[in-house]
Amino acid sequence: MKGVILISGNGSNLQSLIDSSVEIKLDIACVISNVSSAFGLQRAKQAGIIGHVLDNNQFSSRDEFDLKLSELIDTYSPEIIILAGFMRILTPDFTKKYLGKIINIHPSLLPKFQGLHTHVRALNAKEKKHGVSVHFVTEELDGGPIIAQSVVDILESDDADSLARRVLSEEHKIYPKVVSWYTHGRLKLHNNQASLDNTPI
C-alpha cells in the first residue's frame, strides 16, 4: 500500500517503518518534512526514498501551508498518510479531507498528556504508568480514536530522558504493527470508531 510519511525531526519512527516496510507491505512513496534540517530526510535519502521540504515558515498562514501540503501529498495518491514526529497542528479542512487514512503516534497514554512535553508532565503528575498511543487523526489535537497503546512502568530512578528512551523503544514496535493492520485492510475508521477485523477497538 502506498504511503506518505510526514516528519519534523530525527525520524526514528520513520526508520522503524523503513526497516519493516517489506514485511508490513508499505510502499513509502515520499517523506515530507516541514524542517529542512530534519535528520529524517537523510534517513529517507539513504533508503532511496524521495524527500521533500515544505517549510511552514515560508507561508503566511496555517491554512496556506496545509493547502500546499495537501497538494504535494496528492501528487503521490497515497492510501495512507503517516505522521511520524510531525510537529504541526493540522487544520480542520486538512484532517477532514484525509479522515480515516491518516494516523499519528503520540508519546503518552491518551487521553492523558495531549500536546508537548509528555514525559516531564507524566513525571510531575507522579504517574505510575506512561507509554505511547497510536490514533486516527481528527480535528481534535491528539484526540482522534485510539487504535493501540503500549505501556511502560515509571521507575523511581526515571528522569524525562530515561523515560523518553523506553517509550521510544515501544514506539518503534507498535507503529509498524499498526501500519501493518492498515495495509492489510484490517484496520478501519467508521463513525469515529477504530475497528480491527470489523471489531471495535
Protein backbone atom coordinates (compact mmCIF):
# COMPACT_ATOMS: atom_id res chain seq x y z
CA MET A 1 0.00 0.00 0.00
CA LYS A 2 1.34 3.38 -0.99
CA GLY A 3 2.02 5.76 1.89
CA VAL A 4 3.40 9.23 2.57
CA ILE A 5 5.21 9.92 5.84
CA LEU A 6 5.35 13.38 7.43
CA ILE A 7 8.19 14.28 9.80
CA SER A 8 9.79 17.23 11.54
CA GLY A 9 12.88 15.81 13.21
CA ASN A 10 15.14 12.85 13.83
CA GLY A 11 12.88 10.33 12.16
CA SER A 12 13.48 7.28 14.32
CA ASN A 13 9.88 6.13 13.82
CA LEU A 14 10.36 6.73 10.11
CA GLN A 15 13.39 4.43 10.30
CA SER A 16 11.37 1.70 12.01
CA LEU A 17 8.83 1.91 9.17
CA ILE A 18 11.56 1.87 6.51
CA ASP A 19 13.19 -1.17 8.13
CA SER A 20 9.92 -3.10 8.25
CA SER A 21 8.37 -1.77 5.03
CA VAL A 22 8.62 -5.01 3.07
CA GLU A 23 7.19 -7.09 5.90
CA ILE A 24 4.30 -4.70 6.56
CA LYS A 25 3.62 -4.15 2.84
CA LEU A 26 4.18 -0.39 2.96
CA ASP A 27 5.41 1.36 -0.19
CA ILE A 28 6.79 4.67 1.09
CA ALA A 29 6.24 7.00 -1.85
CA CYS A 30 7.89 10.00 -0.21
CA VAL A 31 8.82 11.67 3.05
CA ILE A 32 7.80 15.28 3.66
CA SER A 33 9.37 17.46 6.34
CA ASN A 34 8.44 20.97 7.41
CA VAL A 35 12.00 21.39 8.74
CA SER A 36 14.86 21.44 6.23
CA SER A 37 17.44 20.23 8.79
CA ALA A 38 15.39 17.22 9.91
CA PHE A 39 17.67 14.16 10.09
CA GLY A 40 14.77 12.03 8.92
CA LEU A 41 15.36 13.43 5.44
CA GLN A 42 18.81 11.81 5.49
CA ARG A 43 17.23 8.53 6.55
CA ALA A 44 14.88 8.75 3.57
CA LYS A 45 17.73 9.57 1.20
CA GLN A 46 19.81 6.63 2.46
CA ALA A 47 16.84 4.36 1.79
CA GLY A 48 16.35 5.72 -1.72
CA ILE A 49 13.07 7.43 -0.81
CA ILE A 50 12.11 10.81 -2.23
CA GLY A 51 12.26 13.60 0.34
CA HIS A 52 10.53 16.96 0.22
CA VAL A 53 10.93 20.05 2.39
CA LEU A 54 7.91 22.26 2.84
CA ASP A 55 9.00 24.95 5.30
CA ASN A 56 5.97 26.24 7.20
CA ASN A 57 7.85 29.49 7.88
CA GLN A 58 7.54 30.31 4.19
CA PHE A 59 3.74 30.50 4.42
CA SER A 60 1.64 33.33 5.79
CA SER A 61 -0.97 31.11 7.43
CA ARG A 62 -1.63 27.59 8.64
CA ASP A 63 -4.35 27.23 6.00
CA GLU A 64 -1.97 28.20 3.21
CA PHE A 65 0.66 25.72 4.39
CA ASP A 66 -1.83 22.88 4.73
CA LEU A 67 -3.25 23.56 1.28
CA LYS A 68 0.23 23.30 -0.26
CA LEU A 69 0.98 20.21 1.83
CA SER A 70 -2.23 18.60 0.64
CA GLU A 71 -1.39 19.38 -2.99
CA LEU A 72 2.04 17.80 -2.59
CA ILE A 73 0.62 14.70 -0.90
CA ASP A 74 -2.00 14.30 -3.62
CA THR A 75 0.64 14.11 -6.34
CA TYR A 76 1.52 10.69 -4.89
CA SER A 77 -2.09 9.45 -4.44
CA PRO A 78 -1.29 7.70 -1.14
CA GLU A 79 -3.65 5.26 0.54
CA ILE A 80 -2.26 6.07 3.99
CA ILE A 81 -0.65 9.17 5.49
CA ILE A 82 1.59 8.53 8.50
CA LEU A 83 2.61 11.25 10.94
CA ALA A 84 5.95 10.30 12.46
CA GLY A 85 7.01 13.17 14.69
CA PHE A 86 5.31 15.80 12.53
CA MET A 87 5.20 18.81 14.84
CA ARG A 88 2.36 20.73 13.24
CA ILE A 89 -1.24 21.24 14.27
CA LEU A 90 -3.24 20.40 11.17
CA THR A 91 -6.26 22.44 10.09
CA PRO A 92 -9.79 21.02 10.17
CA ASP A 93 -10.01 21.14 6.37
CA PHE A 94 -6.87 19.01 6.09
CA THR A 95 -7.93 16.43 8.66
CA LYS A 96 -11.42 16.13 7.18
CA LYS A 97 -10.01 15.56 3.70
CA TYR A 98 -7.92 12.58 4.81
CA LEU A 99 -10.18 11.29 7.60
CA GLY A 100 -9.77 7.55 8.05
CA LYS A 101 -6.44 7.34 6.21
CA ILE A 102 -4.18 9.47 8.40
CA ILE A 103 -2.66 8.15 11.64
CA ASN A 104 -0.37 9.59 14.30
CA ILE A 105 1.82 8.32 17.12
CA HIS A 106 1.89 10.22 20.41
CA PRO A 107 4.19 9.65 23.41
CA SER A 108 1.59 9.32 26.16
CA LEU A 109 -1.31 7.14 27.19
CA LEU A 110 -4.00 9.28 25.61
CA PRO A 111 -6.23 10.98 26.59
CA LYS A 112 -3.63 11.88 29.21
CA PHE A 113 -0.99 14.45 28.27
CA GLN A 114 -2.06 15.66 24.87
CA GLY A 115 0.39 18.08 23.27
CA LEU A 116 4.05 18.55 24.13
CA HIS A 117 6.48 17.63 26.95
CA THR A 118 4.60 14.47 27.83
CA HIS A 119 7.40 12.75 29.73
CA VAL A 120 8.06 15.67 32.07
CA ARG A 121 4.33 16.10 32.66
CA ALA A 122 3.89 12.41 33.46
CA LEU A 123 6.72 12.58 36.00
CA ASN A 124 5.43 15.80 37.55
CA ALA A 125 1.99 14.23 37.89
CA LYS A 126 3.51 11.29 39.82
CA GLU A 127 2.11 8.80 37.31
CA LYS A 128 2.95 5.14 37.79
CA LYS A 129 2.45 4.26 34.12
CA HIS A 130 3.30 6.04 30.88
CA GLY A 131 3.55 4.97 27.28
CA VAL A 132 2.59 5.57 23.68
CA SER A 133 -0.65 5.76 21.70
CA VAL A 134 -1.39 5.38 18.00
CA HIS A 135 -4.59 7.02 16.85
CA PHE A 136 -6.52 8.15 13.82
CA VAL A 137 -6.13 11.88 13.21
CA THR A 138 -9.21 14.08 13.55
CA GLU A 139 -9.77 17.78 14.12
CA GLU A 140 -9.08 17.42 17.85
CA LEU A 141 -5.38 17.64 18.71
CA ASP A 142 -4.19 14.18 19.79
CA GLY A 143 -7.86 13.37 20.29
CA GLY A 144 -8.76 11.01 17.46
CA PRO A 145 -9.93 7.43 18.04
CA ILE A 146 -7.20 5.37 19.71
CA ILE A 147 -6.03 2.31 17.79
CA ALA A 148 -3.36 0.85 20.08
CA GLN A 149 -1.30 1.68 23.15
CA SER A 150 1.82 0.33 24.79
CA VAL A 151 2.51 0.87 28.50
CA VAL A 152 5.79 1.32 30.36
CA ASP A 153 6.25 1.48 34.12
CA ILE A 154 7.64 4.71 35.51
CA LEU A 155 10.62 3.88 37.70
CA GLU A 156 11.67 5.83 40.79
CA SER A 157 15.00 6.45 39.09
CA ASP A 158 13.44 7.86 35.91
CA ASP A 159 14.04 11.32 34.58
CA ALA A 160 12.49 12.67 31.40
CA ASP A 161 15.33 11.36 29.23
CA SER A 162 15.34 7.80 30.55
CA LEU A 163 11.55 7.62 30.35
CA ALA A 164 11.60 9.01 26.81
CA ARG A 165 14.08 6.33 25.70
CA ARG A 166 11.90 3.50 26.97
CA VAL A 167 8.77 4.97 25.44
CA LEU A 168 10.56 5.47 22.12
CA SER A 169 11.57 1.81 22.12
CA GLU A 170 7.88 0.91 22.39
CA GLU A 171 7.02 3.37 19.61
CA HIS A 172 9.35 1.54 17.24
CA LYS A 173 7.49 -1.72 17.92
CA ILE A 174 3.89 -0.53 17.91
CA TYR A 175 3.89 1.78 14.89
CA PRO A 176 4.90 -0.79 12.25
CA LYS A 177 2.36 -3.21 13.76
CA VAL A 178 -0.50 -0.70 13.46
CA VAL A 179 0.54 0.33 9.95
CA SER A 180 0.56 -3.36 9.01
CA TRP A 181 -3.03 -3.70 10.24
CA TYR A 182 -3.98 -0.85 7.93
CA THR A 183 -2.04 -2.01 4.87
CA HIS A 184 -3.58 -5.46 5.21
CA GLY A 185 -7.08 -3.99 5.26
CA ARG A 186 -7.77 -5.00 8.85
CA LEU A 187 -7.90 -1.51 10.38
CA LYS A 188 -10.74 0.90 9.58
CA LEU A 189 -12.32 4.09 10.89
CA HIS A 190 -16.12 4.05 10.91
CA ASN A 191 -18.42 6.51 12.68
CA ASN A 192 -15.45 7.91 14.61
CA GLN A 193 -14.60 4.45 15.95
CA ALA A 194 -11.47 2.47 15.14
CA SER A 195 -12.10 -1.18 14.34
CA LEU A 196 -9.79 -4.14 13.77
CA ASP A 197 -11.14 -7.09 11.79
CA ASN A 198 -14.59 -5.45 11.97
CA THR A 199 -14.46 -5.42 15.79
CA PRO A 200 -14.48 -2.04 17.59
CA ILE A 201 -11.23 -1.35 19.40
